[in-house]
Amino acid sequence: MAGGAREVLTLQLGHFAGFVGAHWWNQQDAALCRPTDAKEPPGELCPDVLYRTGRTLHGQETYTPRLILMDLKGSLSSLKQEGGLYRDKQLDAAIAWQGKLTTHKEELYPKNPYLQDLLSAEGVLNSDGIWRVKSIPNGKGPPPFTTATTPKPVIPTEGSIRVWSDFLRVHLHPRSICMIQKYNHDGETGRLEAFGQGESILKEPKYLEELEDRLHFYVEECDYLQGFQILCDLHNGFSGVGAKAAELLQDEYSGRGIITWGLLPGPYRLGEPQKNIYRLLNTAFGLVHLSAHSSLVCPLSLGGSLGLQPEPPVNFPHLQYDAALPFHCGAILATALDTVTVPYRLCSSPISMVHLADMLNFSGKKVVTAGATIPFPLVPSQSLPDTLMQLGEATPWTPLSACGDPSGTCCFAQSVVLRGLDRACHTSQLTPGTPLPSLLHACTTGEEVLAQYLQQQQPRVRSSSHLLLTPCKVVPPYPYLFSSSLSQQGLVLDGPPTGAAVESIPVLGALCSSSSLNRSLGDLAKDLARLDLRRWASFMDAGVEQDDLEETLQELRSLAQCYQSGNSLMD
């Protein structure tokens, strides 16, 4: 890799992981397609950490995610499993087989209008059936729209989004998509519902060999592989797939970082007892097994609880979203993910995945919480010290790990990223000689301001902080969730709305080893202990034994005890 990028291989496991992942890759793609007059400086984040270069059979250079994703039959809609960049399967078969060729076609899903518009803008389907990409500027992403005749893109509506592939604007490598044909995405039967079912998938030689083959393909072309990030559904059988995948990575790639993001859709729905109980069981088994084989595990959800207690979804003052829509939830979680993963994607002085995990997971604390302020509420007339001082002593970010209200809890270690603020507002703008309202106003750099603020908030906590100029891109197909009080750059207007659509936002994101996990993991264990498993024999029939349940319950209790508030670095 040029510049010695520390490569990361992403595994995306499950359908809600697909929603989060599609938004995540769209945001990476939008960052690559920065217009030529972009104000933000290039080079803060290294795209080669997540992307790989390649060439089609026709010599066309490509730049695609270093990605392996697994989903169920029927989940791809109009997206081809092999992608459209490299080869046409029917053409290959015709060349290899000289006899009579019979083609059987399944009924095609209609292509989402948004994707039809995307294809016409970025490439052309030739008469030979091969889709050819337009030239890639500097080998990075699709070409920017620079002519006045470019048609206005179609913005996808919530009603047009059925599956994650309906709004994915990034072209994938043929070795990215791995379909699990034995389970169905749609319908009431043949569903991947239980942890044991997911574990058994990667015990089958067919799927295990397919995953290992794809891992070897991507890993062997890396020069400085730093590790793996796993985006994994926690609420269904993909928690078992993720657990086995993490175990495989730990065995085969010892010493590499494995950071797992356990994804949960919106809050529990009353009136769906079996789904809620299965969600509880899968989450408990998933967290215990993933933490055993990962460097770090972070649940991500807009719900308020990991357990059965119904809690309202979290609130963001400047966002209006529907917690029942994966399209909305996935966008918000992807924005948080794009921010908290900054440390191991930096061009200059990156922190490796292993180092980040080591900083956060001391004393057995392998589970961490995430939080984000989306967008960070800066008024154009104010400075960063002004805004931080107004936030007061309360936790400055919205919790995103379904662990309840963090007030009154303590933090053991944290990694914090603030991005998207113009350098001019990083420090105080007060006239010389004016009395300083706070110590933050005396700092001479934005980095010093952020570090000083975190020190004031949590004096005894090991903190790592990063301040970036690069904002988070929220252009279509990102859903329009923003209040009218925001500017085009996501700043809080101190005047009337301008009517301009928000295109980028500043974001504050954090990963914390927090005592809130003592309560949330403990409550999860209590819910698990209260279950009458005779009523849920189908979960046990999927390959989980009674002894497995007792062991999981004990591990969950032990994990919760690691986060007792007295168990800090300084004690």
Protein backbone atom coordinates (compact mmCIF):
# COMPACT_ATOMS: atom_id res chain seq x y z
CA MET A 1 0.00 0.00 0.00
CA ALA A 2 1.20 3.46 -0.89
CA GLY A 3 2.38 5.40 2.12
CA GLY A 4 2.48 2.32 4.32
CA ALA A 5 -1.19 2.37 5.32
CA ARG A 6 -2.08 0.15 8.27
CA GLU A 7 -4.82 -1.86 6.55
CA VAL A 8 -8.05 -2.97 8.20
CA LEU A 9 -10.32 -5.73 6.89
CA THR A 10 -14.02 -5.21 7.63
CA LEU A 11 -16.46 -8.09 8.24
CA GLN A 12 -20.13 -7.14 7.97
CA LEU A 13 -22.43 -9.83 9.36
CA GLY A 14 -26.22 -9.54 9.23
CA HIS A 15 -28.94 -7.36 7.77
CA PHE A 16 -28.97 -4.51 10.29
CA ALA A 17 -25.16 -4.56 10.02
CA GLY A 18 -25.85 -4.11 6.29
CA PHE A 19 -27.83 -0.92 6.95
CA VAL A 20 -25.10 0.52 9.19
CA GLY A 21 -22.40 -0.68 6.78
CA ALA A 22 -24.10 0.77 3.69
CA HIS A 23 -24.28 4.20 5.35
CA TRP A 24 -20.68 3.81 6.58
CA TRP A 25 -19.35 3.02 3.07
CA ASN A 26 -21.45 5.78 1.53
CA GLN A 27 -19.87 8.25 3.95
CA GLN A 28 -16.39 6.98 3.06
CA ASP A 29 -17.29 7.35 -0.61
CA ALA A 30 -18.57 10.91 -0.09
CA ALA A 31 -15.29 11.81 1.65
CA LEU A 32 -13.33 10.43 -1.33
CA CYS A 33 -15.37 12.52 -3.77
CA ARG A 34 -14.46 15.84 -2.20
CA PRO A 35 -14.93 18.63 -4.79
CA THR A 36 -11.84 20.39 -6.07
CA ASP A 37 -12.63 23.59 -4.14
CA ALA A 38 -13.07 21.77 -0.85
CA LYS A 39 -12.29 23.92 2.18
CA GLU A 40 -11.31 21.07 4.46
CA PRO A 41 -7.67 20.04 4.10
CA PRO A 42 -6.95 16.67 2.49
CA GLY A 43 -4.97 13.96 4.15
CA GLU A 44 -6.24 13.73 7.74
CA LEU A 45 -7.82 10.31 7.20
CA CYS A 46 -6.17 7.60 5.11
CA PRO A 47 -8.71 5.84 2.81
CA ASP A 48 -6.21 3.05 2.04
CA VAL A 49 -6.81 1.74 5.57
CA LEU A 50 -10.29 0.62 4.45
CA TYR A 51 -10.00 0.42 0.65
CA ARG A 52 -7.96 -1.61 -1.85
CA THR A 53 -6.92 -0.89 -5.42
CA GLY A 54 -7.43 -3.41 -8.22
CA ARG A 55 -7.97 -3.77 -11.96
CA THR A 56 -10.80 -5.24 -13.98
CA LEU A 57 -10.21 -7.72 -16.82
CA HIS A 58 -10.36 -4.70 -19.12
CA GLY A 59 -7.57 -2.86 -17.29
CA GLN A 60 -9.87 -0.40 -15.53
CA GLU A 61 -8.51 0.69 -12.15
CA THR A 62 -10.89 0.14 -9.23
CA TYR A 63 -10.95 1.23 -5.61
CA THR A 64 -13.23 -0.95 -3.52
CA PRO A 65 -13.82 -1.61 0.20
CA ARG A 66 -11.66 -4.28 1.83
CA LEU A 67 -14.83 -6.02 2.92
CA ILE A 68 -16.41 -9.43 3.52
CA LEU A 69 -20.14 -9.34 4.15
CA MET A 70 -22.52 -12.18 4.97
CA ASP A 71 -26.29 -12.00 4.68
CA LEU A 72 -29.23 -14.28 3.96
CA LYS A 73 -30.95 -15.41 0.79
CA GLY A 74 -33.24 -12.68 -0.50
CA SER A 75 -31.43 -9.78 1.14
CA LEU A 76 -29.64 -8.34 -1.89
CA SER A 77 -32.64 -7.08 -3.89
CA SER A 78 -31.25 -5.95 -7.27
CA LEU A 79 -27.57 -6.05 -6.19
CA LYS A 80 -25.58 -8.84 -7.86
CA GLN A 81 -23.68 -11.10 -5.48
CA GLU A 82 -20.58 -10.96 -7.69
CA GLY A 83 -20.86 -7.21 -8.25
CA GLY A 84 -20.59 -5.58 -11.66
CA LEU A 85 -17.02 -4.33 -11.80
CA TYR A 86 -14.89 -7.32 -12.71
CA ARG A 87 -16.56 -9.95 -14.84
CA ASP A 88 -19.86 -11.26 -16.15
CA LYS A 89 -20.62 -14.77 -14.89
CA GLN A 90 -22.78 -15.76 -17.87
CA LEU A 91 -20.05 -14.68 -20.29
CA ASP A 92 -17.45 -16.68 -18.33
CA ALA A 93 -19.64 -19.78 -18.37
CA ALA A 94 -20.19 -19.51 -22.12
CA ILE A 95 -16.45 -19.33 -22.72
CA ALA A 96 -15.65 -22.28 -20.42
CA TRP A 97 -18.44 -24.55 -21.72
CA GLN A 98 -18.55 -25.27 -25.47
CA GLY A 99 -21.81 -27.26 -25.41
CA LYS A 100 -25.40 -26.11 -25.39
CA LEU A 101 -26.04 -23.43 -22.76
CA THR A 102 -29.44 -23.09 -21.07
CA THR A 103 -30.11 -20.08 -18.90
CA HIS A 104 -32.69 -20.06 -16.08
CA LYS A 105 -33.50 -16.60 -14.76
CA GLU A 106 -35.07 -15.77 -11.42
CA GLU A 107 -37.56 -12.93 -11.37
CA LEU A 108 -35.52 -9.76 -10.87
CA TYR A 109 -36.19 -7.25 -8.14
CA PRO A 110 -36.85 -3.79 -9.59
CA LYS A 111 -33.83 -1.53 -9.11
CA ASN A 112 -34.36 1.34 -6.71
CA PRO A 113 -34.73 4.62 -8.69
CA TYR A 114 -31.87 6.09 -6.66
CA LEU A 115 -29.48 3.35 -7.85
CA GLN A 116 -30.64 3.72 -11.46
CA ASP A 117 -29.70 7.38 -11.25
CA LEU A 118 -26.37 6.48 -9.63
CA LEU A 119 -25.42 4.00 -12.37
CA SER A 120 -26.21 6.44 -15.16
CA ALA A 121 -23.98 9.01 -13.47
CA GLU A 122 -21.02 6.73 -12.76
CA GLY A 123 -20.86 4.21 -15.56
CA VAL A 124 -22.45 2.53 -18.55
CA LEU A 125 -23.77 -0.96 -19.27
CA ASN A 126 -22.28 -2.00 -22.63
CA SER A 127 -23.93 -4.23 -25.20
CA ASP A 128 -21.64 -7.08 -24.11
CA GLY A 129 -23.36 -7.08 -20.70
CA ILE A 130 -20.36 -5.68 -18.78
CA TRP A 131 -20.82 -2.55 -16.72
CA ARG A 132 -17.81 -0.25 -17.21
CA VAL A 133 -16.83 2.32 -14.63
CA LYS A 134 -16.03 5.84 -15.66
CA SER A 135 -12.44 6.87 -15.09
CA ILE A 136 -11.39 7.20 -11.46
CA PRO A 137 -9.58 10.47 -10.65
CA ASN A 138 -6.29 9.80 -8.86
CA GLY A 139 -7.42 6.21 -8.37
CA LYS A 140 -9.81 7.25 -5.61
CA GLY A 141 -13.56 6.82 -5.95
CA PRO A 142 -16.02 7.79 -8.67
CA PRO A 143 -15.55 11.05 -10.58
CA PRO A 144 -16.82 14.28 -9.04
CA PHE A 145 -19.82 15.92 -10.69
CA THR A 146 -18.30 19.01 -12.28
CA THR A 147 -20.48 19.91 -15.29
CA ALA A 148 -23.60 22.03 -15.26
CA THR A 149 -25.45 19.36 -17.27
CA THR A 150 -25.15 16.69 -14.56
CA PRO A 151 -28.69 15.63 -13.63
CA LYS A 152 -29.85 16.31 -10.08
CA PRO A 153 -29.55 13.02 -8.15
CA VAL A 154 -32.64 11.18 -7.00
CA ILE A 155 -32.87 11.23 -3.20
CA PRO A 156 -34.11 7.90 -1.84
CA THR A 157 -37.25 8.04 0.27
CA GLU A 158 -37.93 5.90 3.33
CA GLY A 159 -40.69 4.11 1.43
CA SER A 160 -38.32 3.08 -1.35
CA ILE A 161 -35.80 1.48 1.03
CA ARG A 162 -36.57 -2.21 1.60
CA VAL A 163 -33.05 -3.60 2.17
CA TRP A 164 -29.62 -2.05 2.68
CA SER A 165 -28.55 -2.67 -0.93
CA ASP A 166 -31.32 -0.27 -2.05
CA PHE A 167 -29.14 2.71 -1.09
CA LEU A 168 -25.55 1.42 -1.23
CA ARG A 169 -23.71 3.68 -3.67
CA VAL A 170 -20.35 1.90 -3.44
CA HIS A 171 -19.29 -0.84 -5.87
CA LEU A 172 -18.03 -4.01 -4.18
CA HIS A 173 -15.36 -6.52 -5.14
CA PRO A 174 -16.66 -9.95 -6.32
CA ARG A 175 -15.14 -11.56 -3.21
CA SER A 176 -17.02 -9.28 -0.82
CA ILE A 177 -20.49 -10.83 -0.70
CA CYS A 178 -21.03 -14.25 0.83
CA MET A 179 -24.67 -15.40 0.84
CA ILE A 180 -26.02 -17.90 3.38
CA GLN A 181 -28.48 -19.83 1.24
CA LYS A 182 -29.87 -22.14 3.94
CA TYR A 183 -31.76 -19.33 5.71
CA ASN A 184 -34.24 -16.75 4.37
CA HIS A 185 -34.24 -13.01 4.86
CA ASP A 186 -38.00 -12.73 4.25
CA GLY A 187 -40.93 -14.82 5.45
CA GLU A 188 -41.86 -16.47 8.72
CA THR A 189 -39.95 -19.74 8.20
CA GLY A 190 -36.33 -20.61 7.61
CA ARG A 191 -35.08 -17.60 9.60
CA LEU A 192 -31.69 -17.28 11.28
CA GLU A 193 -33.10 -16.56 14.74
CA ALA A 194 -30.83 -18.16 17.33
CA PHE A 195 -27.19 -17.91 18.42
CA GLY A 196 -26.68 -21.68 18.03
CA GLN A 197 -27.87 -21.58 14.41
CA GLY A 198 -25.32 -18.88 13.65
CA GLU A 199 -22.48 -20.78 15.30
CA SER A 200 -23.34 -23.91 13.32
CA ILE A 201 -23.08 -22.04 9.99
CA LEU A 202 -19.33 -21.56 10.39
CA LYS A 203 -18.97 -25.18 11.52
CA GLU A 204 -20.14 -26.28 8.07
CA PRO A 205 -17.17 -26.83 5.72
CA LYS A 206 -18.92 -25.01 2.86
CA TYR A 207 -19.28 -21.70 4.66
CA LEU A 208 -16.11 -21.99 6.72
CA GLU A 209 -13.97 -22.62 3.62
CA GLU A 210 -15.68 -19.77 1.78
CA LEU A 211 -14.91 -17.35 4.62
CA GLU A 212 -11.32 -18.57 4.98
CA ASP A 213 -10.76 -18.25 1.22
CA ARG A 214 -11.94 -14.63 1.24
CA LEU A 215 -9.92 -13.82 4.35
CA HIS A 216 -6.75 -15.19 2.76
CA PHE A 217 -7.41 -13.27 -0.46
CA TYR A 218 -7.64 -9.91 1.31
CA VAL A 219 -5.04 -10.53 4.02
CA GLU A 220 -2.33 -11.78 1.68
CA GLU A 221 -2.37 -8.56 -0.37
CA CYS A 222 -1.92 -6.39 2.74
CA ASP A 223 1.51 -5.03 3.63
CA TYR A 224 0.79 -3.82 7.18
CA LEU A 225 -2.46 -5.43 8.33
CA GLN A 226 -3.36 -3.94 11.72
CA GLY A 227 -6.50 -5.95 12.26
CA PHE A 228 -10.19 -6.56 11.69
CA GLN A 229 -13.35 -4.65 12.49
CA ILE A 230 -16.52 -6.73 12.74
CA LEU A 231 -19.95 -5.13 12.28
CA CYS A 232 -22.29 -7.79 13.60
CA ASP A 233 -26.01 -8.08 14.39
CA LEU A 234 -26.38 -8.94 18.08
CA HIS A 235 -30.14 -9.50 18.20
CA ASN A 236 -30.42 -12.52 15.88
CA GLY A 237 -28.48 -15.62 14.84
CA PHE A 238 -25.69 -13.50 13.37
CA SER A 239 -24.43 -13.05 16.95
CA GLY A 240 -23.36 -16.71 16.67
CA VAL A 241 -21.83 -16.14 13.22
CA GLY A 242 -19.87 -13.19 14.64
CA ALA A 243 -18.68 -15.20 17.64
CA LYS A 244 -17.32 -18.00 15.43
CA ALA A 245 -15.78 -15.49 13.00
CA ALA A 246 -14.00 -13.68 15.86
CA GLU A 247 -12.75 -17.04 17.20
CA LEU A 248 -11.40 -17.92 13.74
CA LEU A 249 -9.62 -14.54 13.43
CA GLN A 250 -8.11 -14.86 16.90
CA ASP A 251 -6.78 -18.36 16.09
CA GLU A 252 -5.43 -17.59 12.61
CA TYR A 253 -4.23 -13.99 13.00
CA SER A 254 -2.86 -13.82 16.52
CA GLY A 255 -1.56 -10.40 17.50
CA ARG A 256 -3.87 -8.47 15.17
CA GLY A 257 -6.56 -6.20 16.56
CA ILE A 258 -10.16 -7.43 16.48
CA ILE A 259 -12.70 -4.69 17.28
CA THR A 260 -16.32 -5.84 17.21
CA TRP A 261 -19.29 -3.50 16.92
CA GLY A 262 -22.36 -5.38 18.18
CA LEU A 263 -25.35 -3.79 16.43
CA LEU A 264 -28.91 -3.69 17.76
CA PRO A 265 -31.85 -2.04 15.95
CA GLY A 266 -34.32 0.26 17.73
CA PRO A 267 -36.01 -0.47 21.08
CA TYR A 268 -37.97 -3.61 21.92
CA ARG A 269 -41.50 -3.77 20.56
CA LEU A 270 -44.20 -4.79 22.99
CA GLY A 271 -46.41 -7.61 21.74
CA GLU A 272 -43.54 -9.59 20.21
CA PRO A 273 -42.50 -11.83 23.15
CA GLN A 274 -40.58 -14.45 21.16
CA LYS A 275 -38.55 -11.85 19.26
CA ASN A 276 -37.80 -10.00 22.50
CA ILE A 277 -36.70 -13.15 24.34
CA TYR A 278 -34.57 -14.28 21.40
CA ARG A 279 -33.04 -10.82 21.23
CA LEU A 280 -32.17 -11.03 24.94
CA LEU A 281 -30.62 -14.51 24.57
CA ASN A 282 -28.69 -13.66 21.41
CA THR A 283 -27.37 -10.42 22.91
CA ALA A 284 -26.21 -12.17 26.09
CA PHE A 285 -24.53 -15.07 24.27
CA GLY A 286 -23.09 -12.71 21.67
CA LEU A 287 -21.50 -10.27 24.14
CA VAL A 288 -19.94 -13.07 26.21
CA HIS A 289 -18.50 -15.00 23.27
CA LEU A 290 -17.43 -11.94 21.26
CA SER A 291 -15.62 -10.44 24.25
CA ALA A 292 -13.75 -13.74 24.69
CA HIS A 293 -12.32 -13.59 21.16
CA SER A 294 -12.12 -9.84 20.38
CA SER A 295 -9.68 -7.15 21.50
CA LEU A 296 -12.64 -4.87 22.18
CA VAL A 297 -16.46 -5.15 21.92
CA CYS A 298 -18.83 -2.20 21.72
CA PRO A 299 -22.63 -2.55 21.58
CA LEU A 300 -24.20 0.09 19.33
CA SER A 301 -27.90 0.91 19.54
CA LEU A 302 -30.34 3.83 19.72
CA GLY A 303 -32.39 1.87 22.27
CA GLY A 304 -32.19 2.59 25.97
CA SER A 305 -31.65 -0.95 27.33
CA LEU A 306 -29.88 -4.21 26.51
CA GLY A 307 -32.39 -6.17 28.60
CA LEU A 308 -36.15 -6.69 28.52
CA GLN A 309 -37.07 -3.43 30.28
CA PRO A 310 -38.62 -1.22 27.55
CA GLU A 311 -36.86 2.13 27.36
CA PRO A 312 -37.47 5.00 24.91
CA PRO A 313 -34.90 5.56 22.14
CA VAL A 314 -32.19 8.14 22.71
CA ASN A 315 -32.77 11.77 21.78
CA PHE A 316 -30.65 14.19 19.75
CA PRO A 317 -31.66 17.87 20.06
CA HIS A 318 -31.05 18.65 16.36
CA LEU A 319 -32.21 15.37 14.77
CA GLN A 320 -35.69 14.02 14.06
CA TYR A 321 -35.56 10.29 13.34
CA ASP A 322 -37.83 7.26 13.40
CA ALA A 323 -36.38 4.59 15.71
CA ALA A 324 -38.43 1.91 13.91
CA LEU A 325 -36.62 2.54 10.60
CA PRO A 326 -33.25 0.75 10.11
CA PHE A 327 -32.53 3.34 7.38
CA HIS A 328 -32.58 6.11 10.01
CA CYS A 329 -30.95 4.18 12.87
CA GLY A 330 -28.21 2.84 10.60
CA ALA A 331 -27.32 6.36 9.43
CA ILE A 332 -26.90 7.72 12.97
CA LEU A 333 -24.85 4.73 14.16
CA ALA A 334 -22.66 4.88 11.02
CA THR A 335 -21.94 8.55 11.74
CA ALA A 336 -20.86 7.67 15.27
CA LEU A 337 -18.78 4.77 13.94
CA ASP A 338 -17.13 6.99 11.35
CA THR A 339 -16.02 9.26 14.19
CA VAL A 340 -14.93 6.88 16.96
CA THR A 341 -12.81 4.81 14.51
CA VAL A 342 -10.77 7.87 13.54
CA PRO A 343 -7.73 7.01 15.75
CA TYR A 344 -6.73 3.93 13.71
CA ARG A 345 -7.51 5.57 10.33
CA LEU A 346 -5.35 8.68 10.64
CA CYS A 347 -2.69 9.50 8.05
CA SER A 348 -0.40 11.06 10.63
CA SER A 349 0.46 9.36 13.95
CA PRO A 350 -2.37 6.84 13.96
CA ILE A 351 -3.11 4.74 17.03
CA SER A 352 -3.25 1.07 16.05
CA MET A 353 -6.35 -1.00 16.78
CA VAL A 354 -4.33 -3.05 19.28
CA HIS A 355 -3.08 0.07 21.07
CA LEU A 356 -6.58 1.58 21.21
CA ALA A 357 -7.97 -1.65 22.64
CA ASP A 358 -5.15 -1.94 25.20
CA MET A 359 -5.83 1.60 26.40
CA LEU A 360 -9.53 0.89 26.98
CA ASN A 361 -9.75 -2.78 28.03
CA PHE A 362 -7.50 -3.08 31.12
CA SER A 363 -8.50 -5.43 33.99
CA GLY A 364 -10.75 -7.59 31.81
CA LYS A 365 -12.88 -4.66 30.64
CA LYS A 366 -13.20 -5.76 27.02
CA VAL A 367 -16.66 -4.25 26.58
CA VAL A 368 -16.87 -0.48 26.07
CA THR A 369 -19.68 1.99 25.48
CA ALA A 370 -19.99 4.53 22.68
CA GLY A 371 -21.48 8.01 22.70
CA ALA A 372 -21.80 10.86 20.22
CA THR A 373 -23.06 14.40 19.86
CA ILE A 374 -24.62 14.58 16.38
CA PRO A 375 -24.10 17.32 15.37
CA PHE A 376 -21.75 19.05 17.82
CA PRO A 377 -23.72 22.23 18.74
CA LEU A 378 -21.37 25.04 17.72
CA VAL A 379 -22.86 28.46 16.93
CA PRO A 380 -20.83 30.31 14.22
CA SER A 381 -20.30 33.33 16.49
CA GLN A 382 -18.87 31.18 19.30
CA SER A 383 -15.59 29.36 19.91
CA LEU A 384 -14.98 25.79 21.02
CA PRO A 385 -14.22 26.91 24.62
CA ASP A 386 -17.56 28.80 24.68
CA THR A 387 -19.52 25.74 23.54
CA LEU A 388 -17.78 23.32 25.91
CA MET A 389 -18.33 25.66 28.84
CA GLN A 390 -22.07 25.86 28.00
CA LEU A 391 -22.31 22.05 28.06
CA GLY A 392 -21.49 22.26 31.77
CA GLU A 393 -20.67 19.21 33.87
CA ALA A 394 -23.15 16.85 32.20
CA THR A 395 -21.89 14.07 29.93
CA PRO A 396 -21.43 15.89 26.60
CA TRP A 397 -22.52 13.01 24.35
CA THR A 398 -25.66 10.96 23.83
CA PRO A 399 -25.15 7.31 24.91
CA LEU A 400 -25.26 4.83 22.01
CA SER A 401 -24.73 1.45 23.71
CA ALA A 402 -28.18 0.83 25.25
CA CYS A 403 -26.73 1.23 28.74
CA GLY A 404 -29.12 3.87 30.03
CA ASP A 405 -28.41 7.35 31.35
CA PRO A 406 -24.66 7.73 32.06
CA SER A 407 -25.13 10.43 34.70
CA GLY A 408 -23.77 9.34 38.06
CA THR A 409 -21.50 6.70 36.53
CA CYS A 410 -17.73 6.86 36.38
CA CYS A 411 -15.40 6.38 33.44
CA PHE A 412 -12.18 4.32 33.67
CA ALA A 413 -10.65 5.20 30.27
CA GLN A 414 -11.86 7.00 27.15
CA SER A 415 -10.97 7.79 23.55
CA VAL A 416 -12.59 11.00 22.30
CA VAL A 417 -12.72 12.48 18.78
CA LEU A 418 -14.04 15.92 17.80
CA ARG A 419 -14.20 16.61 14.07
CA GLY A 420 -15.48 19.17 11.60
CA LEU A 421 -14.75 22.51 13.32
CA ASP A 422 -12.96 25.29 11.45
CA ARG A 423 -9.55 26.05 12.94
CA ALA A 424 -10.51 29.69 13.57
CA CYS A 425 -13.00 28.66 16.27
CA HIS A 426 -10.72 26.16 18.07
CA THR A 427 -9.53 28.73 20.62
CA SER A 428 -10.98 31.76 22.38
CA GLN A 429 -11.85 34.76 20.20
CA LEU A 430 -11.97 37.21 23.08
CA THR A 431 -10.29 40.59 22.71
CA PRO A 432 -6.88 40.67 24.48
CA GLY A 433 -7.27 42.00 28.01
CA THR A 434 -10.81 40.64 28.44
CA PRO A 435 -11.18 38.55 31.63
CA LEU A 436 -11.18 34.85 30.75
CA PRO A 437 -14.47 33.03 31.56
CA SER A 438 -12.68 29.69 32.08
CA LEU A 439 -9.35 27.88 31.88
CA LEU A 440 -10.42 26.60 28.45
CA HIS A 441 -10.25 30.17 27.12
CA ALA A 442 -6.57 30.37 28.09
CA CYS A 443 -5.57 27.40 25.89
CA THR A 444 -3.58 28.19 22.76
CA THR A 445 -4.61 25.24 20.53
CA GLY A 446 -7.82 23.33 19.92
CA GLU A 447 -6.14 20.11 21.00
CA GLU A 448 -5.25 21.70 24.32
CA VAL A 449 -8.84 22.96 24.74
CA LEU A 450 -10.30 19.46 24.23
CA ALA A 451 -7.73 17.77 26.49
CA GLN A 452 -8.25 20.37 29.24
CA TYR A 453 -12.03 19.96 29.03
CA LEU A 454 -11.81 16.16 29.35
CA GLN A 455 -9.43 16.56 32.29
CA GLN A 456 -11.93 18.84 34.04
CA GLN A 457 -14.82 16.44 33.35
CA GLN A 458 -13.01 13.28 34.49
CA PRO A 459 -9.84 14.22 36.43
CA ARG A 460 -8.69 10.66 37.20
CA VAL A 461 -9.42 9.10 33.81
CA ARG A 462 -6.95 7.96 31.20
CA SER A 463 -8.00 9.93 28.10
CA SER A 464 -6.90 10.02 24.49
CA SER A 465 -8.29 12.80 22.31
CA HIS A 466 -8.11 13.81 18.65
CA LEU A 467 -9.28 17.01 16.96
CA LEU A 468 -9.86 16.94 13.18
CA LEU A 469 -10.87 19.61 10.70
CA THR A 470 -12.56 17.03 8.45
CA PRO A 471 -16.35 16.91 9.02
CA CYS A 472 -18.68 13.95 8.61
CA LYS A 473 -20.43 13.91 5.21
CA VAL A 474 -24.23 13.55 5.25
CA VAL A 475 -25.15 13.96 1.57
CA PRO A 476 -27.81 11.70 -0.06
CA PRO A 477 -28.55 8.85 0.33
CA TYR A 478 -28.06 9.84 3.97
CA PRO A 479 -31.62 10.49 5.23
CA TYR A 480 -32.57 14.09 5.95
CA LEU A 481 -32.91 14.04 9.73
CA PHE A 482 -31.75 17.57 10.52
CA SER A 483 -33.64 20.44 12.09
CA SER A 484 -34.04 23.70 10.17
CA SER A 485 -31.82 25.44 12.74
CA LEU A 486 -28.64 24.03 11.16
CA SER A 487 -26.46 25.55 8.45
CA GLN A 488 -25.14 23.72 5.38
CA GLN A 489 -22.05 22.81 7.45
CA GLY A 490 -24.14 21.58 10.39
CA LEU A 491 -23.56 24.60 12.67
CA VAL A 492 -26.37 25.88 14.91
CA LEU A 493 -27.73 29.05 13.31
CA ASP A 494 -28.14 32.12 15.52
CA GLY A 495 -30.41 33.69 12.88
CA PRO A 496 -33.32 32.59 10.65
CA PRO A 497 -33.02 29.30 8.69
CA THR A 498 -31.25 29.60 5.32
CA GLY A 499 -33.12 26.74 3.64
CA ALA A 500 -29.86 25.13 2.49
CA ALA A 501 -29.63 21.35 2.91
CA VAL A 502 -27.11 20.11 5.48
CA GLU A 503 -24.18 18.46 3.66
CA SER A 504 -21.65 17.95 6.46
CA ILE A 505 -21.68 18.10 10.23
CA PRO A 506 -19.24 18.40 13.14
CA VAL A 507 -19.40 15.38 15.45
CA LEU A 508 -18.09 14.60 18.93
CA GLY A 509 -17.66 10.86 19.50
CA ALA A 510 -16.32 8.78 22.37
CA LEU A 511 -15.51 5.23 23.41
CA CYS A 512 -15.58 4.73 27.18
CA SER A 513 -14.84 1.98 29.63
CA SER A 514 -17.69 2.94 31.95
CA SER A 515 -19.27 1.79 35.20
CA SER A 516 -22.66 2.02 33.42
CA LEU A 517 -21.78 -1.44 32.08
CA ASN A 518 -21.92 -2.82 35.63
CA ARG A 519 -25.62 -1.97 35.77
CA SER A 520 -26.56 -2.83 32.17
CA LEU A 521 -24.68 -6.17 32.00
CA GLY A 522 -25.94 -7.02 35.50
CA ASP A 523 -29.54 -6.30 34.44
CA LEU A 524 -29.03 -8.42 31.34
CA ALA A 525 -27.86 -11.31 33.56
CA LYS A 526 -30.91 -10.87 35.85
CA ASP A 527 -33.28 -10.99 32.88
CA LEU A 528 -31.53 -14.10 31.61
CA ALA A 529 -31.71 -15.82 35.01
CA ARG A 530 -35.47 -15.19 35.25
CA LEU A 531 -36.29 -16.94 31.97
CA ASP A 532 -38.21 -20.18 32.05
CA LEU A 533 -36.27 -21.97 29.32
CA ARG A 534 -38.90 -24.68 28.98
CA ARG A 535 -40.96 -22.07 27.12
CA TRP A 536 -38.10 -21.34 24.72
CA ALA A 537 -36.96 -24.85 23.85
CA SER A 538 -36.62 -23.85 20.20
CA PHE A 539 -33.65 -21.64 21.12
CA MET A 540 -31.98 -24.57 22.87
CA ASP A 541 -32.83 -26.90 19.98
CA ALA A 542 -30.69 -24.68 17.73
CA GLY A 543 -27.50 -26.10 19.29
CA VAL A 544 -27.21 -24.49 22.72
CA GLU A 545 -27.05 -26.77 25.78
CA GLN A 546 -28.26 -26.02 29.31
CA ASP A 547 -24.62 -26.00 30.46
CA ASP A 548 -23.87 -23.34 27.81
CA LEU A 549 -26.59 -21.15 29.26
CA GLU A 550 -25.30 -21.52 32.83
CA GLU A 551 -21.75 -20.72 31.68
CA THR A 552 -22.94 -17.66 29.75
CA LEU A 553 -24.85 -16.42 32.79
CA GLN A 554 -21.77 -16.77 35.00
CA GLU A 555 -19.52 -15.07 32.44
CA LEU A 556 -21.99 -12.21 32.11
CA ARG A 557 -22.01 -11.70 35.90
CA SER A 558 -18.20 -11.78 36.00
CA LEU A 559 -18.04 -9.28 33.15
CA ALA A 560 -20.44 -6.95 34.97
CA GLN A 561 -18.30 -7.10 38.14
CA CYS A 562 -15.29 -5.75 36.20
CA TYR A 563 -17.11 -2.41 35.92
CA GLN A 564 -17.85 -1.74 39.58
CA SER A 565 -17.22 1.96 40.18
CA GLY A 566 -14.38 1.37 42.67
CA ASN A 567 -12.37 -0.65 40.15
CA SER A 568 -10.44 2.15 38.45
CA LEU A 569 -6.89 2.63 37.28
CA MET A 570 -6.02 4.90 40.18
CA ASP A 571 -7.25 2.63 43.02
